[in-house]
C-alpha atoms as a PDB file:
ATOM      1  CA  UNK A   1     -34.363  89.653  47.653  1.00  0.00           C
ATOM      2  CA  UNK A   2     -33.860  86.147  47.373  1.00  0.00           C
ATOM      3  CA  UNK A   3     -35.057  83.005  45.159  1.00  0.00           C
ATOM      4  CA  UNK A   4     -35.792  79.609  45.357  1.00  0.00           C
ATOM      5  CA  UNK A   5     -35.609  77.129  42.429  1.00  0.00           C
ATOM      6  CA  UNK A   6     -37.032  74.033  42.196  1.00  0.00           C
ATOM      7  CA  UNK A   7     -36.985  71.456  39.731  1.00  0.00           C
ATOM      8  CA  UNK A   8     -39.610  68.635  39.831  1.00  0.00           C
ATOM      9  CA  UNK A   9     -39.498  65.434  37.593  1.00  0.00           C
ATOM     10  CA  UNK A  10     -42.846  64.667  36.969  1.00  0.00           C
ATOM     11  CA  UNK A  11     -44.371  61.338  36.196  1.00  0.00           C
ATOM     12  CA  UNK A  12     -45.952  61.074  32.462  1.00  0.00           C
ATOM     13  CA  UNK A  13     -48.324  63.760  31.815  1.00  0.00           C
ATOM     14  CA  UNK A  14     -49.874  64.572  35.140  1.00  0.00           C
ATOM     15  CA  UNK A  15     -48.916  68.683  34.563  1.00  0.00           C
ATOM     16  CA  UNK A  16     -52.507  69.245  34.188  1.00  0.00           C
ATOM     17  CA  UNK A  17     -53.380  67.597  37.649  1.00  0.00           C
ATOM     18  CA  UNK A  18     -50.049  69.744  39.322  1.00  0.00           C
ATOM     19  CA  UNK A  19     -51.287  73.119  37.642  1.00  0.00           C
ATOM     20  CA  UNK A  20     -54.543  73.236  39.310  1.00  0.00           C
ATOM     21  CA  UNK A  21     -53.640  71.979  42.690  1.00  0.00           C
ATOM     22  CA  UNK A  22     -50.545  74.492  42.964  1.00  0.00           C
ATOM     23  CA  UNK A  23     -52.792  77.070  41.717  1.00  0.00           C
ATOM     24  CA  UNK A  24     -55.347  76.578  43.764  1.00  0.00           C
ATOM     25  CA  UNK A  25     -53.381  75.097  47.041  1.00  0.00           C
ATOM     26  CA  UNK A  26     -49.716  75.643  47.009  1.00  0.00           C
ATOM     27  CA  UNK A  27     -49.989  79.485  45.775  1.00  0.00           C
ATOM     28  CA  UNK A  28     -52.264  81.127  48.427  1.00  0.00           C
ATOM     29  CA  UNK A  29     -50.392  79.600  51.131  1.00  0.00           C
ATOM     30  CA  UNK A  30     -46.653  80.827  50.089  1.00  0.00           C
ATOM     31  CA  UNK A  31     -48.428  84.006  49.247  1.00  0.00           C
ATOM     32  CA  UNK A  32     -48.786  84.483  52.933  1.00  0.00           C
ATOM     33  CA  UNK A  33     -45.577  83.891  53.960  1.00  0.00           C
ATOM     34  CA  UNK A  34     -43.642  87.430  55.007  1.00  0.00           C
ATOM     35  CA  UNK A  35     -41.630  88.888  52.344  1.00  0.00           C
ATOM     36  CA  UNK A  36     -43.633  87.150  49.554  1.00  0.00           C
ATOM     37  CA  UNK A  37     -42.561  88.498  46.220  1.00  0.00           C
ATOM     38  CA  UNK A  38     -43.689  86.178  43.346  1.00  0.00           C
ATOM     39  CA  UNK A  39     -43.840  82.794  42.610  1.00  0.00           C
ATOM     40  CA  UNK A  40     -43.830  81.402  38.905  1.00  0.00           C
ATOM     41  CA  UNK A  41     -44.259  77.406  37.711  1.00  0.00           C
ATOM     42  CA  UNK A  42     -42.789  76.617  34.596  1.00  0.00           C
ATOM     43  CA  UNK A  43     -43.567  73.750  32.594  1.00  0.00           C
ATOM     44  CA  UNK A  44     -40.790  72.260  30.560  1.00  0.00           C
ATOM     45  CA  UNK A  45     -40.805  69.935  27.287  1.00  0.00           C
ATOM     46  CA  UNK A  46     -38.959  67.300  28.989  1.00  0.00           C
ATOM     47  CA  UNK A  47     -41.286  66.110  31.535  1.00  0.00           C
ATOM     48  CA  UNK A  48     -39.935  68.699  34.590  1.00  0.00           C
ATOM     49  CA  UNK A  49     -41.461  71.309  36.165  1.00  0.00           C
ATOM     50  CA  UNK A  50     -39.721  74.495  37.742  1.00  0.00           C
ATOM     51  CA  UNK A  51     -41.018  76.622  40.333  1.00  0.00           C
ATOM     52  CA  UNK A  52     -39.377  79.922  41.131  1.00  0.00           C
ATOM     53  CA  UNK A  53     -40.122  82.038  44.495  1.00  0.00           C
ATOM     54  CA  UNK A  54     -38.833  85.574  45.257  1.00  0.00           C
ATOM     55  CA  UNK A  55     -39.462  86.936  48.906  1.00  0.00           C
ATOM     56  CA  UNK A  56     -37.397  89.621  50.780  1.00  0.00           C
ATOM     57  CA  UNK A  57     -35.269  87.854  53.081  1.00  0.00           C
ATOM     58  CA  UNK A  58     -33.433  85.255  53.351  1.00  0.00           C
ATOM     59  CA  UNK A  59     -35.448  83.713  56.304  1.00  0.00           C
ATOM     60  CA  UNK A  60     -38.649  83.867  54.339  1.00  0.00           C
ATOM     61  CA  UNK A  61     -37.129  81.664  51.340  1.00  0.00           C
ATOM     62  CA  UNK A  62     -35.880  78.979  53.527  1.00  0.00           C
ATOM     63  CA  UNK A  63     -39.174  78.908  54.889  1.00  0.00           C
ATOM     64  CA  UNK A  64     -40.666  78.659  51.394  1.00  0.00           C
ATOM     65  CA  UNK A  65     -38.788  75.431  50.745  1.00  0.00           C
ATOM     66  CA  UNK A  66     -40.249  73.647  54.159  1.00  0.00           C
ATOM     67  CA  UNK A  67     -43.352  74.662  52.945  1.00  0.00           C
ATOM     68  CA  UNK A  68     -43.207  73.623  49.505  1.00  0.00           C
ATOM     69  CA  UNK A  69     -41.865  70.159  50.723  1.00  0.00           C
ATOM     70  CA  UNK A  70     -44.762  69.364  53.275  1.00  0.00           C
ATOM     71  CA  UNK A  71     -47.253  70.459  50.464  1.00  0.00           C
ATOM     72  CA  UNK A  72     -45.803  68.471  47.767  1.00  0.00           C
ATOM     73  CA  UNK A  73     -45.385  65.185  50.146  1.00  0.00           C
ATOM     74  CA  UNK A  74     -49.155  65.998  50.989  1.00  0.00           C
ATOM     75  CA  UNK A  75     -50.435  66.966  47.970  1.00  0.00           C
ATOM     76  CA  UNK A  76     -48.943  65.604  44.721  1.00  0.00           C
ATOM     77  CA  UNK A  77     -46.969  62.346  45.970  1.00  0.00           C
ATOM     78  CA  UNK A  78     -48.159  60.120  43.315  1.00  0.00           C
ATOM     79  CA  UNK A  79     -47.670  62.743  40.225  1.00  0.00           C
ATOM     80  CA  UNK A  80     -43.585  63.777  41.328  1.00  0.00           C
ATOM     81  CA  UNK A  81     -40.975  60.922  40.962  1.00  0.00           C
ATOM     82  CA  UNK A  82     -38.641  62.093  43.297  1.00  0.00           C
ATOM     83  CA  UNK A  83     -37.746  65.270  45.452  1.00  0.00           C
ATOM     84  CA  UNK A  84     -36.920  68.315  44.026  1.00  0.00           C
ATOM     85  CA  UNK A  85     -33.664  69.699  43.043  1.00  0.00           C
ATOM     86  CA  UNK A  86     -33.264  72.879  45.259  1.00  0.00           C
ATOM     87  CA  UNK A  87     -31.382  76.015  44.241  1.00  0.00           C
ATOM     88  CA  UNK A  88     -31.496  79.314  46.404  1.00  0.00           C
ATOM     89  CA  UNK A  89     -29.868  82.254  46.441  1.00  0.00           C
ATOM     90  CA  UNK A  90     -29.608  86.092  46.497  1.00  0.00           C
ATOM     91  CA  UNK A  91     -30.954  87.868  43.644  1.00  0.00           C
ATOM     92  CA  UNK A  92     -28.527  89.726  42.020  1.00  0.00           C
ATOM     93  CA  UNK A  93     -30.293  91.432  39.264  1.00  0.00           C
ATOM     94  CA  UNK A  94     -33.856  92.160  38.821  1.00  0.00           C
ATOM     95  CA  UNK A  95     -36.191  93.687  36.341  1.00  0.00           C
ATOM     96  CA  UNK A  96     -39.801  93.647  36.046  1.00  0.00           C
ATOM     97  CA  UNK A  97     -41.868  94.427  33.529  1.00  0.00           C
ATOM     98  CA  UNK A  98     -45.593  95.426  33.455  1.00  0.00           C
ATOM     99  CA  UNK A  99     -47.774  94.070  36.231  1.00  0.00           C
ATOM    100  CA  UNK A 100     -47.851  90.353  36.068  1.00  0.00           C
ATOM    101  CA  UNK A 101     -51.443  88.532  36.165  1.00  0.00           C
ATOM    102  CA  UNK A 102     -52.944  85.583  37.000  1.00  0.00           C
ATOM    103  CA  UNK A 103     -53.265  82.869  34.576  1.00  0.00           C
ATOM    104  CA  UNK A 104     -56.918  80.931  35.253  1.00  0.00           C
ATOM    105  CA  UNK A 105     -57.112  79.167  31.940  1.00  0.00           C
ATOM    106  CA  UNK A 106     -54.844  76.728  30.524  1.00  0.00           C
ATOM    107  CA  UNK A 107     -51.624  77.523  29.481  1.00  0.00           C
ATOM    108  CA  UNK A 108     -50.567  76.773  25.705  1.00  0.00           C
ATOM    109  CA  UNK A 109     -48.318  73.734  25.276  1.00  0.00           C
ATOM    110  CA  UNK A 110     -44.467  74.325  26.163  1.00  0.00           C
ATOM    111  CA  UNK A 111     -41.668  75.017  23.352  1.00  0.00           C
ATOM    112  CA  UNK A 112     -38.151  74.178  23.910  1.00  0.00           C
ATOM    113  CA  UNK A 113     -35.326  76.107  22.166  1.00  0.00           C
ATOM    114  CA  UNK A 114     -32.161  75.654  21.997  1.00  0.00           C
ATOM    115  CA  UNK A 115     -29.009  77.564  21.215  1.00  0.00           C
ATOM    116  CA  UNK A 116     -27.555  76.971  17.812  1.00  0.00           C
ATOM    117  CA  UNK A 117     -23.929  74.669  18.254  1.00  0.00           C
ATOM    118  CA  UNK A 118     -20.978  77.088  18.432  1.00  0.00           C
END
């Protein structure tokens, strides 16, 4: 399996708009790519959002990067400050719990936890 992690810097507080647009517009597109395994969008407390996409093949992961770039350019350009930081690679450890569920209601506000200084 291969994962793509994209970190987006957002303009101030547009995340609810992005949540809905991603859920209704982007997720159905990425889910149709061959080898799609999962997609998660995480809202951070520091004004960023991180997406994590997992695919069965490197080719599908690379295709998702092109799709995400085109989609963001066309649908949320005014909400994103600049191009995302993109990390990708082979998944070397994976463990899943109970089957996931698609959230259809607003998420709880994000929290941030920092490890105590060593």
